[in-house]
Amino acid sequence: MTKNKISKNWLIKKKKDPFFKLSKIKGFRSRSAFKLIEMNKKFKFLKENSLLLDLGSFPGGWSQVASKEITKGKILSIDIKFMEKIDKVDFIKGDFLQDNIFEKIIFYFNSKVDVVLSDMAANTTGNKTLDSYRTGELCLGAMDLATKILSKDGVFLSKAFMGTIFNEINESAKKNFRKVVKYKPISSKKESKEIYIYCQGILNI
């Protein structure tokens, strides 16, 4: 199958996707906004005064949802891609794994953080096993950062893919958090191996 035909088929599927259509109607920048809305309804972790860090925030769907719930707190979004401005959200362009970005995060909040979100996925290569592993590495990196900056009862929520690295993610979560829940939102595509890991309460803080 040619690259053009693959792209055309992808666009057709996207346009038929009810969550993609609804995201346009609601003014969300991505369909993934509905995943966060659903998970917040289930776990109730976005509070009006929350201090929240959104990793891999581009194009801004999750930051949009957070900004509607957090009215008295602070939201910082980070991505290697430039993200258009969202009201009540501050943005830093850069790689969260770099030391200078970590320092900027610490300076921005100047206190422990309530929520760390990560909806990051590695750029696809066509090799699903490799893509899953690389996204898992991003999840582990985000988790490591979260354990350093979260408050005692803080929440870490991240995308992952079921695959060879997921056991390592799950074990690391159990070592670092009191509560660990694996969850697949309704708006997550059925055929996708995508899953979210919800972690709350830092251990050994």
C-alpha atoms as a PDB file:
ATOM      1  CA  MET A   1       0.000   0.000   0.000  1.00  0.00           C
ATOM      2  CA  THR A   2       1.396   3.416  -0.970  1.00  0.00           C
ATOM      3  CA  LYS A   3       2.095   6.149   1.561  1.00  0.00           C
ATOM      4  CA  ASN A   4      -0.561   8.382  -0.028  1.00  0.00           C
ATOM      5  CA  LYS A   5      -3.186   5.642   0.229  1.00  0.00           C
ATOM      6  CA  ILE A   6      -2.310   5.016   3.891  1.00  0.00           C
ATOM      7  CA  SER A   7      -2.626   8.741   4.624  1.00  0.00           C
ATOM      8  CA  LYS A   8      -5.979   8.893   2.806  1.00  0.00           C
ATOM      9  CA  ASN A   9      -7.340   5.891   4.733  1.00  0.00           C
ATOM     10  CA  TRP A  10      -6.145   7.464   8.006  1.00  0.00           C
ATOM     11  CA  LEU A  11      -7.964  10.703   7.208  1.00  0.00           C
ATOM     12  CA  ILE A  12     -11.180   8.829   6.339  1.00  0.00           C
ATOM     13  CA  LYS A  13     -11.088   6.943   9.663  1.00  0.00           C
ATOM     14  CA  LYS A  14     -10.365  10.165  11.535  1.00  0.00           C
ATOM     15  CA  LYS A  15     -13.352  11.942  10.021  1.00  0.00           C
ATOM     16  CA  LYS A  16     -15.635   9.028  10.971  1.00  0.00           C
ATOM     17  CA  ASP A  17     -14.373   9.088  14.569  1.00  0.00           C
ATOM     18  CA  PRO A  18     -17.199  10.491  16.776  1.00  0.00           C
ATOM     19  CA  PHE A  19     -14.733  11.858  19.358  1.00  0.00           C
ATOM     20  CA  PHE A  20     -12.777  13.658  16.654  1.00  0.00           C
ATOM     21  CA  LYS A  21     -16.010  15.265  15.422  1.00  0.00           C
ATOM     22  CA  LEU A  22     -17.077  16.159  18.966  1.00  0.00           C
ATOM     23  CA  SER A  23     -13.679  17.710  19.721  1.00  0.00           C
ATOM     24  CA  LYS A  24     -14.230  20.099  16.805  1.00  0.00           C
ATOM     25  CA  ILE A  25     -17.742  20.970  17.985  1.00  0.00           C
ATOM     26  CA  LYS A  26     -16.544  21.582  21.580  1.00  0.00           C
ATOM     27  CA  GLY A  27     -13.495  23.548  20.452  1.00  0.00           C
ATOM     28  CA  PHE A  28     -10.931  21.158  21.899  1.00  0.00           C
ATOM     29  CA  ARG A  29      -7.558  20.940  20.201  1.00  0.00           C
ATOM     30  CA  SER A  30      -7.520  17.140  20.282  1.00  0.00           C
ATOM     31  CA  ARG A  31      -9.861  14.183  20.782  1.00  0.00           C
ATOM     32  CA  SER A  32      -7.702  13.165  23.763  1.00  0.00           C
ATOM     33  CA  ALA A  33      -9.425  15.921  25.756  1.00  0.00           C
ATOM     34  CA  PHE A  34     -12.310  13.494  26.285  1.00  0.00           C
ATOM     35  CA  LYS A  35      -9.957  10.925  27.813  1.00  0.00           C
ATOM     36  CA  LEU A  36      -8.907  13.382  30.506  1.00  0.00           C
ATOM     37  CA  ILE A  37     -12.497  14.506  31.093  1.00  0.00           C
ATOM     38  CA  GLU A  38     -13.537  10.878  31.598  1.00  0.00           C
ATOM     39  CA  MET A  39     -10.617  10.045  33.890  1.00  0.00           C
ATOM     40  CA  ASN A  40     -11.189  13.151  35.988  1.00  0.00           C
ATOM     41  CA  LYS A  41     -14.832  12.160  36.441  1.00  0.00           C
ATOM     42  CA  LYS A  42     -13.674   8.764  37.653  1.00  0.00           C
ATOM     43  CA  PHE A  43     -10.750   9.793  39.883  1.00  0.00           C
ATOM     44  CA  LYS A  44     -11.686  13.440  40.681  1.00  0.00           C
ATOM     45  CA  PHE A  45      -8.154  14.814  40.850  1.00  0.00           C
ATOM     46  CA  LEU A  46      -8.482  18.220  39.158  1.00  0.00           C
ATOM     47  CA  LYS A  47      -9.278  20.804  41.839  1.00  0.00           C
ATOM     48  CA  GLU A  48      -9.818  24.535  41.496  1.00  0.00           C
ATOM     49  CA  ASN A  49      -6.559  25.335  43.303  1.00  0.00           C
ATOM     50  CA  SER A  50      -4.387  22.535  41.863  1.00  0.00           C
ATOM     51  CA  LEU A  51      -0.784  23.064  40.790  1.00  0.00           C
ATOM     52  CA  LEU A  52      -0.513  21.039  37.583  1.00  0.00           C
ATOM     53  CA  LEU A  53       2.259  20.115  35.165  1.00  0.00           C
ATOM     54  CA  ASP A  54       1.259  18.883  31.689  1.00  0.00           C
ATOM     55  CA  LEU A  55       4.140  17.064  29.966  1.00  0.00           C
ATOM     56  CA  GLY A  56       4.087  16.627  26.191  1.00  0.00           C
ATOM     57  CA  SER A  57       1.197  19.075  26.068  1.00  0.00           C
ATOM     58  CA  PHE A  58       1.031  19.830  22.316  1.00  0.00           C
ATOM     59  CA  PRO A  59      -1.466  20.564  20.795  1.00  0.00           C
ATOM     60  CA  GLY A  60      -3.100  21.426  24.127  1.00  0.00           C
ATOM     61  CA  GLY A  61      -6.194  19.267  24.563  1.00  0.00           C
ATOM     62  CA  TRP A  62      -5.348  18.226  28.117  1.00  0.00           C
ATOM     63  CA  SER A  63      -4.237  21.716  29.113  1.00  0.00           C
ATOM     64  CA  GLN A  64      -7.581  23.047  27.858  1.00  0.00           C
ATOM     65  CA  VAL A  65      -9.506  20.601  30.041  1.00  0.00           C
ATOM     66  CA  ALA A  66      -7.317  21.360  33.068  1.00  0.00           C
ATOM     67  CA  SER A  67      -7.773  25.123  32.606  1.00  0.00           C
ATOM     68  CA  LYS A  68     -11.555  24.744  32.841  1.00  0.00           C
ATOM     69  CA  GLU A  69     -11.258  22.956  36.201  1.00  0.00           C
ATOM     70  CA  ILE A  70      -8.304  24.808  37.751  1.00  0.00           C
ATOM     71  CA  THR A  71      -9.397  28.396  38.342  1.00  0.00           C
ATOM     72  CA  LYS A  72      -7.228  29.404  41.331  1.00  0.00           C
ATOM     73  CA  GLY A  73      -4.139  27.243  40.862  1.00  0.00           C
ATOM     74  CA  LYS A  74      -1.320  27.175  38.311  1.00  0.00           C
ATOM     75  CA  ILE A  75      -0.849  25.188  35.097  1.00  0.00           C
ATOM     76  CA  LEU A  76       2.476  24.742  33.333  1.00  0.00           C
ATOM     77  CA  SER A  77       2.627  22.935  29.998  1.00  0.00           C
ATOM     78  CA  ILE A  78       5.815  21.629  28.368  1.00  0.00           C
ATOM     79  CA  ASP A  79       6.492  20.244  24.905  1.00  0.00           C
ATOM     80  CA  ILE A  80       9.276  20.150  22.343  1.00  0.00           C
ATOM     81  CA  LYS A  81       6.699  21.483  19.855  1.00  0.00           C
ATOM     82  CA  PHE A  82       5.367  25.010  20.148  1.00  0.00           C
ATOM     83  CA  MET A  83       1.866  25.137  21.678  1.00  0.00           C
ATOM     84  CA  GLU A  84      -0.501  27.997  20.903  1.00  0.00           C
ATOM     85  CA  LYS A  85      -1.498  30.080  23.935  1.00  0.00           C
ATOM     86  CA  ILE A  86      -4.282  28.849  26.211  1.00  0.00           C
ATOM     87  CA  ASP A  87      -5.847  31.193  28.754  1.00  0.00           C
ATOM     88  CA  LYS A  88      -4.634  30.516  32.324  1.00  0.00           C
ATOM     89  CA  VAL A  89      -1.887  28.172  31.055  1.00  0.00           C
ATOM     90  CA  ASP A  90       1.843  28.945  30.931  1.00  0.00           C
ATOM     91  CA  PHE A  91       4.038  27.160  28.404  1.00  0.00           C
ATOM     92  CA  ILE A  92       7.707  26.217  28.123  1.00  0.00           C
ATOM     93  CA  LYS A  93       9.092  24.893  24.844  1.00  0.00           C
ATOM     94  CA  GLY A  94      11.668  22.201  25.551  1.00  0.00           C
ATOM     95  CA  ASP A  95      12.471  18.616  26.522  1.00  0.00           C
ATOM     96  CA  PHE A  96      11.286  17.809  30.050  1.00  0.00           C
ATOM     97  CA  LEU A  97      14.208  15.380  30.439  1.00  0.00           C
ATOM     98  CA  GLN A  98      16.783  18.173  30.222  1.00  0.00           C
ATOM     99  CA  ASP A  99      18.201  19.637  33.444  1.00  0.00           C
ATOM    100  CA  ASN A 100      17.503  23.247  32.460  1.00  0.00           C
ATOM    101  CA  ILE A 101      13.803  22.455  31.943  1.00  0.00           C
ATOM    102  CA  PHE A 102      13.634  20.711  35.329  1.00  0.00           C
ATOM    103  CA  GLU A 103      15.106  23.843  36.923  1.00  0.00           C
ATOM    104  CA  LYS A 104      12.484  25.994  35.187  1.00  0.00           C
ATOM    105  CA  ILE A 105       9.714  23.738  36.535  1.00  0.00           C
ATOM    106  CA  ILE A 106      11.027  24.050  40.087  1.00  0.00           C
ATOM    107  CA  PHE A 107      11.346  27.822  39.752  1.00  0.00           C
ATOM    108  CA  TYR A 108       7.856  28.187  38.264  1.00  0.00           C
ATOM    109  CA  PHE A 109       5.952  26.355  40.995  1.00  0.00           C
ATOM    110  CA  ASN A 110       8.296  27.086  43.907  1.00  0.00           C
ATOM    111  CA  SER A 111       6.493  24.335  45.858  1.00  0.00           C
ATOM    112  CA  LYS A 112       5.376  20.731  45.546  1.00  0.00           C
ATOM    113  CA  VAL A 113       2.983  19.997  42.668  1.00  0.00           C
ATOM    114  CA  ASP A 114      -0.481  18.383  42.956  1.00  0.00           C
ATOM    115  CA  VAL A 115      -0.787  16.769  39.515  1.00  0.00           C
ATOM    116  CA  VAL A 116       1.618  15.638  36.783  1.00  0.00           C
ATOM    117  CA  LEU A 117       0.016  14.617  33.475  1.00  0.00           C
ATOM    118  CA  SER A 118       1.623  12.914  30.507  1.00  0.00           C
ATOM    119  CA  ASP A 119      -0.195  12.057  27.298  1.00  0.00           C
ATOM    120  CA  MET A 120       3.090  11.697  25.441  1.00  0.00           C
ATOM    121  CA  ALA A 121       3.703   9.127  22.727  1.00  0.00           C
ATOM    122  CA  ALA A 122       6.895   8.584  20.769  1.00  0.00           C
ATOM    123  CA  ASN A 123       6.894   9.463  17.081  1.00  0.00           C
ATOM    124  CA  THR A 124       5.740   6.401  15.161  1.00  0.00           C
ATOM    125  CA  THR A 125       8.240   4.394  13.140  1.00  0.00           C
ATOM    126  CA  GLY A 126       5.872   1.735  11.781  1.00  0.00           C
ATOM    127  CA  ASN A 127       7.334  -0.792  14.212  1.00  0.00           C
ATOM    128  CA  LYS A 128       4.618  -1.115  16.869  1.00  0.00           C
ATOM    129  CA  THR A 129       6.880  -2.948  19.327  1.00  0.00           C
ATOM    130  CA  LEU A 130       9.535  -0.240  19.111  1.00  0.00           C
ATOM    131  CA  ASP A 131       6.960   2.559  19.294  1.00  0.00           C
ATOM    132  CA  SER A 132       5.401   0.974  22.384  1.00  0.00           C
ATOM    133  CA  TYR A 133       8.801   0.649  24.050  1.00  0.00           C
ATOM    134  CA  ARG A 134       9.816   4.234  23.302  1.00  0.00           C
ATOM    135  CA  THR A 135       6.508   5.580  24.617  1.00  0.00           C
ATOM    136  CA  GLY A 136       7.064   3.460  27.716  1.00  0.00           C
ATOM    137  CA  GLU A 137      10.452   5.113  28.205  1.00  0.00           C
ATOM    138  CA  LEU A 138       8.751   8.520  28.079  1.00  0.00           C
ATOM    139  CA  CYS A 139       6.270   7.316  30.712  1.00  0.00           C
ATOM    140  CA  LEU A 140       9.110   6.171  32.982  1.00  0.00           C
ATOM    141  CA  GLY A 141      10.901   9.491  32.518  1.00  0.00           C
ATOM    142  CA  ALA A 142       7.725  11.398  33.380  1.00  0.00           C
ATOM    143  CA  MET A 143       7.168   9.182  36.419  1.00  0.00           C
ATOM    144  CA  ASP A 144      10.697   9.793  37.655  1.00  0.00           C
ATOM    145  CA  LEU A 145      10.136  13.544  37.373  1.00  0.00           C
ATOM    146  CA  ALA A 146       6.764  13.249  39.113  1.00  0.00           C
ATOM    147  CA  THR A 147       8.275  11.463  42.123  1.00  0.00           C
ATOM    148  CA  LYS A 148      10.652  14.407  42.588  1.00  0.00           C
ATOM    149  CA  ILE A 149       8.097  17.208  42.462  1.00  0.00           C
ATOM    150  CA  LEU A 150       4.737  15.805  43.618  1.00  0.00           C
ATOM    151  CA  SER A 151       3.212  16.513  47.013  1.00  0.00           C
ATOM    152  CA  LYS A 152       2.527  13.665  49.450  1.00  0.00           C
ATOM    153  CA  ASP A 153      -0.956  13.013  48.026  1.00  0.00           C
ATOM    154  CA  GLY A 154      -0.070  14.063  44.485  1.00  0.00           C
ATOM    155  CA  VAL A 155      -1.331  12.414  41.309  1.00  0.00           C
ATOM    156  CA  PHE A 156       0.609  11.119  38.312  1.00  0.00           C
ATOM    157  CA  LEU A 157      -1.413  10.153  35.227  1.00  0.00           C
ATOM    158  CA  SER A 158       0.300   8.882  32.122  1.00  0.00           C
ATOM    159  CA  LYS A 159      -0.277   7.175  28.796  1.00  0.00           C
ATOM    160  CA  ALA A 160       1.462   3.859  28.158  1.00  0.00           C
ATOM    161  CA  PHE A 161       1.077   0.964  25.744  1.00  0.00           C
ATOM    162  CA  MET A 162       0.700  -2.664  26.684  1.00  0.00           C
ATOM    163  CA  GLY A 163       3.955  -4.305  25.643  1.00  0.00           C
ATOM    164  CA  THR A 164       7.369  -5.450  26.790  1.00  0.00           C
ATOM    165  CA  ILE A 165       8.086  -2.367  28.897  1.00  0.00           C
ATOM    166  CA  PHE A 166       4.698  -2.131  30.616  1.00  0.00           C
ATOM    167  CA  ASN A 167       5.646  -4.518  33.444  1.00  0.00           C
ATOM    168  CA  GLU A 168       8.560  -2.236  34.298  1.00  0.00           C
ATOM    169  CA  ILE A 169       6.208   0.778  34.318  1.00  0.00           C
ATOM    170  CA  ASN A 170       3.715  -1.033  36.559  1.00  0.00           C
ATOM    171  CA  GLU A 171       6.382  -2.216  39.002  1.00  0.00           C
ATOM    172  CA  SER A 172       7.961   1.230  39.185  1.00  0.00           C
ATOM    173  CA  ALA A 173       4.544   2.761  39.879  1.00  0.00           C
ATOM    174  CA  LYS A 174       3.865   0.304  42.705  1.00  0.00           C
ATOM    175  CA  LYS A 175       7.244   1.087  44.279  1.00  0.00           C
ATOM    176  CA  ASN A 176       6.632   4.828  44.193  1.00  0.00           C
ATOM    177  CA  PHE A 177       2.887   5.283  44.778  1.00  0.00           C
ATOM    178  CA  ARG A 178       0.330   4.092  47.332  1.00  0.00           C
ATOM    179  CA  LYS A 179      -2.433   3.716  44.742  1.00  0.00           C
ATOM    180  CA  VAL A 180      -1.954   2.457  41.175  1.00  0.00           C
ATOM    181  CA  VAL A 181      -4.841   1.902  38.747  1.00  0.00           C
ATOM    182  CA  LYS A 182      -4.688   0.877  35.082  1.00  0.00           C
ATOM    183  CA  TYR A 183      -7.519   2.406  33.057  1.00  0.00           C
ATOM    184  CA  LYS A 184      -8.630   2.473  29.408  1.00  0.00           C
ATOM    185  CA  PRO A 185     -11.024   5.356  28.657  1.00  0.00           C
ATOM    186  CA  ILE A 186     -14.083   4.803  26.466  1.00  0.00           C
ATOM    187  CA  SER A 187     -12.713   7.404  24.048  1.00  0.00           C
ATOM    188  CA  SER A 188      -9.518   5.390  23.602  1.00  0.00           C
ATOM    189  CA  LYS A 189      -9.714   3.452  20.338  1.00  0.00           C
ATOM    190  CA  LYS A 190     -10.683  -0.196  20.891  1.00  0.00           C
ATOM    191  CA  GLU A 191      -7.961  -1.535  18.600  1.00  0.00           C
ATOM    192  CA  SER A 192      -5.265   0.481  20.348  1.00  0.00           C
ATOM    193  CA  LYS A 193      -2.996  -1.039  23.026  1.00  0.00           C
ATOM    194  CA  GLU A 194      -3.048   2.355  24.701  1.00  0.00           C
ATOM    195  CA  ILE A 195      -3.728   2.367  28.426  1.00  0.00           C
ATOM    196  CA  TYR A 196      -3.412   4.958  31.176  1.00  0.00           C
ATOM    197  CA  ILE A 197      -1.812   4.462  34.552  1.00  0.00           C
ATOM    198  CA  TYR A 198      -3.228   6.527  37.428  1.00  0.00           C
ATOM    199  CA  CYS A 199      -0.965   6.856  40.456  1.00  0.00           C
ATOM    200  CA  GLN A 200      -1.671   8.675  43.697  1.00  0.00           C
ATOM    201  CA  GLY A 201       0.230   9.205  46.944  1.00  0.00           C
ATOM    202  CA  ILE A 202       4.012   9.289  46.966  1.00  0.00           C
ATOM    203  CA  LEU A 203       5.685   6.563  49.031  1.00  0.00           C
ATOM    204  CA  ASN A 204       8.775   7.286  51.161  1.00  0.00           C
ATOM    205  CA  ILE A 205       8.420  11.041  50.789  1.00  0.00           C
END
